[in-house]
Amino acid sequence: MIFRLKRIIFKLKPCVSRFSINFNSTFAPKVSSGPVGVLTNKYQIGELSRDEIQISACKLLQNVYDEVEKYNAPKKNFISKIISGNSEAPRGLYIYGAVGAGKTMLMDLFYNCCTTNKKARVHFNEFMVEVHKKIHIVKNKFSEQVR
């Protein structure tokens, strides 16, 4: 599934101070479904140290996740396009930050939560290599036509 980029840009900073959840508490917060629920669970079992910046980013990813889960792609035939109108696809989220801030971990978490069958997980570097290859192909075709 391909998402259009939202105008929201969220920057993750490298984690300098991390702290753990107090496991002595008898209160266990309700774990919701989606990225926030999974991240909360990872904090509760001690797999990750709590990070407020990652939680903020994960809440934004949760919004994207909720949109993706309720989205129904329009049918491809002509009649269904007329009847259903123009259904806008869910928009994405651009996350950037320093090495080690948790960007890839959050994206993997988001990807694994999405239940749709039509999805692809591509790291930014791999994506940009592919974009540059396609630009090079188009550029070569254009220069051949000009000759």
C-alpha atoms as a PDB file:
ATOM      1  CA  MET A   1       0.000   0.000   0.000  1.00  0.00           C
ATOM      2  CA  ILE A   2       1.372   3.384  -0.931  1.00  0.00           C
ATOM      3  CA  PHE A   3       0.546   6.405   1.185  1.00  0.00           C
ATOM      4  CA  ARG A   4       0.593   9.994   0.069  1.00  0.00           C
ATOM      5  CA  LEU A   5       2.749  12.148   2.271  1.00  0.00           C
ATOM      6  CA  LYS A   6       0.977  14.281   4.851  1.00  0.00           C
ATOM      7  CA  ARG A   7       2.217  17.740   5.535  1.00  0.00           C
ATOM      8  CA  ILE A   8       3.013  16.574   9.053  1.00  0.00           C
ATOM      9  CA  ILE A   9       6.705  16.011   9.562  1.00  0.00           C
ATOM     10  CA  PHE A  10       7.811  14.407  12.786  1.00  0.00           C
ATOM     11  CA  LYS A  11      11.451  14.489  13.796  1.00  0.00           C
ATOM     12  CA  LEU A  12      12.846  11.929  16.205  1.00  0.00           C
ATOM     13  CA  LYS A  13      15.837  12.979  18.277  1.00  0.00           C
ATOM     14  CA  PRO A  14      18.459  10.509  19.467  1.00  0.00           C
ATOM     15  CA  CYS A  15      17.549   9.134  22.844  1.00  0.00           C
ATOM     16  CA  VAL A  16      19.897  10.406  25.511  1.00  0.00           C
ATOM     17  CA  SER A  17      17.920   9.771  28.682  1.00  0.00           C
ATOM     18  CA  ARG A  18      15.753   6.665  28.833  1.00  0.00           C
ATOM     19  CA  PHE A  19      13.755   5.448  31.786  1.00  0.00           C
ATOM     20  CA  SER A  20      11.839   2.290  32.578  1.00  0.00           C
ATOM     21  CA  ILE A  21       8.241   1.763  33.592  1.00  0.00           C
ATOM     22  CA  ASN A  22       7.570   0.948  37.249  1.00  0.00           C
ATOM     23  CA  PHE A  23       6.406  -2.674  37.102  1.00  0.00           C
ATOM     24  CA  ASN A  24       5.425  -2.700  40.805  1.00  0.00           C
ATOM     25  CA  SER A  25       2.210  -0.857  40.019  1.00  0.00           C
ATOM     26  CA  THR A  26      -0.965  -2.953  40.141  1.00  0.00           C
ATOM     27  CA  PHE A  27      -2.562  -0.728  37.492  1.00  0.00           C
ATOM     28  CA  ALA A  28      -2.035  -2.015  33.977  1.00  0.00           C
ATOM     29  CA  PRO A  29      -3.185   0.397  31.264  1.00  0.00           C
ATOM     30  CA  LYS A  30      -5.555  -0.989  28.658  1.00  0.00           C
ATOM     31  CA  VAL A  31      -3.576  -1.938  25.565  1.00  0.00           C
ATOM     32  CA  SER A  32      -5.228  -0.698  22.389  1.00  0.00           C
ATOM     33  CA  SER A  33      -4.794  -2.301  19.021  1.00  0.00           C
ATOM     34  CA  GLY A  34      -2.315  -0.945  16.533  1.00  0.00           C
ATOM     35  CA  PRO A  35       1.126   0.598  16.925  1.00  0.00           C
ATOM     36  CA  VAL A  36       0.401   2.338  20.247  1.00  0.00           C
ATOM     37  CA  GLY A  37      -0.842  -0.913  21.772  1.00  0.00           C
ATOM     38  CA  VAL A  38       2.167  -2.876  20.580  1.00  0.00           C
ATOM     39  CA  LEU A  39       4.614  -0.200  21.758  1.00  0.00           C
ATOM     40  CA  THR A  40       2.888  -0.016  25.160  1.00  0.00           C
ATOM     41  CA  ASN A  41       3.125  -3.790  25.456  1.00  0.00           C
ATOM     42  CA  LYS A  42       6.856  -3.688  24.624  1.00  0.00           C
ATOM     43  CA  TYR A  43       7.325  -1.151  27.428  1.00  0.00           C
ATOM     44  CA  GLN A  44       5.313  -3.260  29.869  1.00  0.00           C
ATOM     45  CA  ILE A  45       7.290  -6.449  29.289  1.00  0.00           C
ATOM     46  CA  GLY A  46      10.587  -4.565  29.459  1.00  0.00           C
ATOM     47  CA  GLU A  47      11.574  -5.165  25.838  1.00  0.00           C
ATOM     48  CA  LEU A  48      12.036  -1.404  25.318  1.00  0.00           C
ATOM     49  CA  SER A  49      12.799   1.548  27.542  1.00  0.00           C
ATOM     50  CA  ARG A  50      10.119   4.208  27.565  1.00  0.00           C
ATOM     51  CA  ASP A  51      10.792   7.133  25.243  1.00  0.00           C
ATOM     52  CA  GLU A  52       8.344  10.053  25.125  1.00  0.00           C
ATOM     53  CA  ILE A  53       9.431  11.179  21.646  1.00  0.00           C
ATOM     54  CA  GLN A  54       8.835   7.700  20.231  1.00  0.00           C
ATOM     55  CA  ILE A  55       5.442   7.625  21.951  1.00  0.00           C
ATOM     56  CA  SER A  56       4.522  10.942  20.285  1.00  0.00           C
ATOM     57  CA  ALA A  57       5.584   9.623  16.877  1.00  0.00           C
ATOM     58  CA  CYS A  58       3.738   6.356  17.507  1.00  0.00           C
ATOM     59  CA  LYS A  59       0.520   8.244  18.273  1.00  0.00           C
ATOM     60  CA  LEU A  60       0.754   9.890  14.848  1.00  0.00           C
ATOM     61  CA  LEU A  61       1.421   6.481  13.281  1.00  0.00           C
ATOM     62  CA  GLN A  62      -1.657   5.208  15.145  1.00  0.00           C
ATOM     63  CA  ASN A  63      -3.750   7.838  13.330  1.00  0.00           C
ATOM     64  CA  VAL A  64      -2.395   6.620   9.977  1.00  0.00           C
ATOM     65  CA  TYR A  65      -2.979   3.005  11.042  1.00  0.00           C
ATOM     66  CA  ASP A  66      -6.612   3.769  11.969  1.00  0.00           C
ATOM     67  CA  GLU A  67      -7.176   5.392   8.555  1.00  0.00           C
ATOM     68  CA  VAL A  68      -5.583   2.439   6.741  1.00  0.00           C
ATOM     69  CA  GLU A  69      -7.620  -0.138   8.636  1.00  0.00           C
ATOM     70  CA  LYS A  70     -10.953   1.514   7.818  1.00  0.00           C
ATOM     71  CA  TYR A  71     -10.038   2.332   4.196  1.00  0.00           C
ATOM     72  CA  ASN A  72     -11.712   0.371   1.405  1.00  0.00           C
ATOM     73  CA  ALA A  73     -10.029   0.769  -1.943  1.00  0.00           C
ATOM     74  CA  PRO A  74     -12.487   1.710  -4.678  1.00  0.00           C
ATOM     75  CA  LYS A  75     -13.358  -0.897  -7.267  1.00  0.00           C
ATOM     76  CA  LYS A  76     -11.609  -0.643 -10.605  1.00  0.00           C
ATOM     77  CA  ASN A  77     -14.607  -0.785 -12.931  1.00  0.00           C
ATOM     78  CA  PHE A  78     -16.228   2.281 -14.464  1.00  0.00           C
ATOM     79  CA  ILE A  79     -19.673   1.966 -12.858  1.00  0.00           C
ATOM     80  CA  SER A  80     -18.327   1.621  -9.319  1.00  0.00           C
ATOM     81  CA  LYS A  81     -16.176   4.725  -9.833  1.00  0.00           C
ATOM     82  CA  ILE A  82     -19.277   6.734 -10.749  1.00  0.00           C
ATOM     83  CA  ILE A  83     -21.333   5.410  -7.840  1.00  0.00           C
ATOM     84  CA  SER A  84     -18.681   5.556  -5.119  1.00  0.00           C
ATOM     85  CA  GLY A  85     -17.305   8.953  -6.077  1.00  0.00           C
ATOM     86  CA  ASN A  86     -13.746   9.928  -5.408  1.00  0.00           C
ATOM     87  CA  SER A  87     -12.549   8.104  -2.287  1.00  0.00           C
ATOM     88  CA  GLU A  88      -9.332   9.611  -0.972  1.00  0.00           C
ATOM     89  CA  ALA A  89      -6.656   7.154   0.093  1.00  0.00           C
ATOM     90  CA  PRO A  90      -5.122   7.443   3.571  1.00  0.00           C
ATOM     91  CA  ARG A  91      -2.221   9.842   3.805  1.00  0.00           C
ATOM     92  CA  GLY A  92       1.175   8.901   5.176  1.00  0.00           C
ATOM     93  CA  LEU A  93       3.593  10.315   7.692  1.00  0.00           C
ATOM     94  CA  TYR A  94       7.197  11.347   7.090  1.00  0.00           C
ATOM     95  CA  ILE A  95       9.474  10.572  10.027  1.00  0.00           C
ATOM     96  CA  TYR A  96      13.091  11.655  10.115  1.00  0.00           C
ATOM     97  CA  GLY A  97      15.769  11.967  12.746  1.00  0.00           C
ATOM     98  CA  ALA A  98      19.180  10.942  13.945  1.00  0.00           C
ATOM     99  CA  VAL A  99      20.618   7.445  13.684  1.00  0.00           C
ATOM    100  CA  GLY A 100      19.419   5.288  16.565  1.00  0.00           C
ATOM    101  CA  ALA A 101      16.299   7.328  17.310  1.00  0.00           C
ATOM    102  CA  GLY A 102      13.960   4.407  16.556  1.00  0.00           C
ATOM    103  CA  LYS A 103      12.582   5.342  13.131  1.00  0.00           C
ATOM    104  CA  THR A 104      13.010   1.878  11.623  1.00  0.00           C
ATOM    105  CA  MET A 105      11.673   0.166  14.749  1.00  0.00           C
ATOM    106  CA  LEU A 106       8.525   2.307  14.651  1.00  0.00           C
ATOM    107  CA  MET A 107       8.013   1.667  10.931  1.00  0.00           C
ATOM    108  CA  ASP A 108       8.473  -2.090  11.383  1.00  0.00           C
ATOM    109  CA  LEU A 109       5.990  -1.965  14.260  1.00  0.00           C
ATOM    110  CA  PHE A 110       3.488  -0.051  12.089  1.00  0.00           C
ATOM    111  CA  TYR A 111       3.991  -2.406   9.117  1.00  0.00           C
ATOM    112  CA  ASN A 112       3.462  -5.510  11.237  1.00  0.00           C
ATOM    113  CA  CYS A 113       0.242  -4.071  12.712  1.00  0.00           C
ATOM    114  CA  CYS A 114      -1.368  -3.369   9.315  1.00  0.00           C
ATOM    115  CA  THR A 115      -3.648  -6.213   8.326  1.00  0.00           C
ATOM    116  CA  THR A 116      -3.959  -5.374   4.632  1.00  0.00           C
ATOM    117  CA  ASN A 117      -2.478  -7.837   2.161  1.00  0.00           C
ATOM    118  CA  LYS A 118      -1.363  -5.117  -0.223  1.00  0.00           C
ATOM    119  CA  LYS A 119       1.571  -3.585   1.606  1.00  0.00           C
ATOM    120  CA  ALA A 120       5.292  -3.175   1.077  1.00  0.00           C
ATOM    121  CA  ARG A 121       8.010  -2.328   3.583  1.00  0.00           C
ATOM    122  CA  VAL A 122      10.895  -0.501   1.936  1.00  0.00           C
ATOM    123  CA  HIS A 123      13.673   1.279   3.795  1.00  0.00           C
ATOM    124  CA  PHE A 124      14.191   4.903   2.761  1.00  0.00           C
ATOM    125  CA  ASN A 125      17.656   4.222   1.313  1.00  0.00           C
ATOM    126  CA  GLU A 126      16.374   1.366  -0.849  1.00  0.00           C
ATOM    127  CA  PHE A 127      13.435   3.514  -1.954  1.00  0.00           C
ATOM    128  CA  MET A 128      15.727   6.372  -3.011  1.00  0.00           C
ATOM    129  CA  VAL A 129      18.041   4.000  -4.927  1.00  0.00           C
ATOM    130  CA  GLU A 130      14.993   2.771  -6.869  1.00  0.00           C
ATOM    131  CA  VAL A 131      13.814   6.342  -7.534  1.00  0.00           C
ATOM    132  CA  HIS A 132      17.234   7.306  -8.892  1.00  0.00           C
ATOM    133  CA  LYS A 133      17.307   4.229 -11.144  1.00  0.00           C
ATOM    134  CA  LYS A 134      13.931   5.158 -12.616  1.00  0.00           C
ATOM    135  CA  ILE A 135      14.979   8.783 -13.090  1.00  0.00           C
ATOM    136  CA  HIS A 136      18.084   7.582 -14.928  1.00  0.00           C
ATOM    137  CA  ILE A 137      15.979   5.354 -17.226  1.00  0.00           C
ATOM    138  CA  VAL A 138      13.568   8.190 -18.043  1.00  0.00           C
ATOM    139  CA  LYS A 139      16.446  10.593 -18.590  1.00  0.00           C
ATOM    140  CA  ASN A 140      18.121   8.176 -21.024  1.00  0.00           C
ATOM    141  CA  LYS A 141      14.872   7.650 -22.962  1.00  0.00           C
ATOM    142  CA  PHE A 142      14.371  11.395 -23.203  1.00  0.00           C
ATOM    143  CA  SER A 143      17.918  12.018 -24.442  1.00  0.00           C
ATOM    144  CA  GLU A 144      17.505   9.271 -27.092  1.00  0.00           C
ATOM    145  CA  GLN A 145      14.302  10.906 -28.356  1.00  0.00           C
ATOM    146  CA  VAL A 146      15.984  14.297 -28.633  1.00  0.00           C
ATOM    147  CA  ARG A 147      18.790  12.917 -30.813  1.00  0.00           C
END
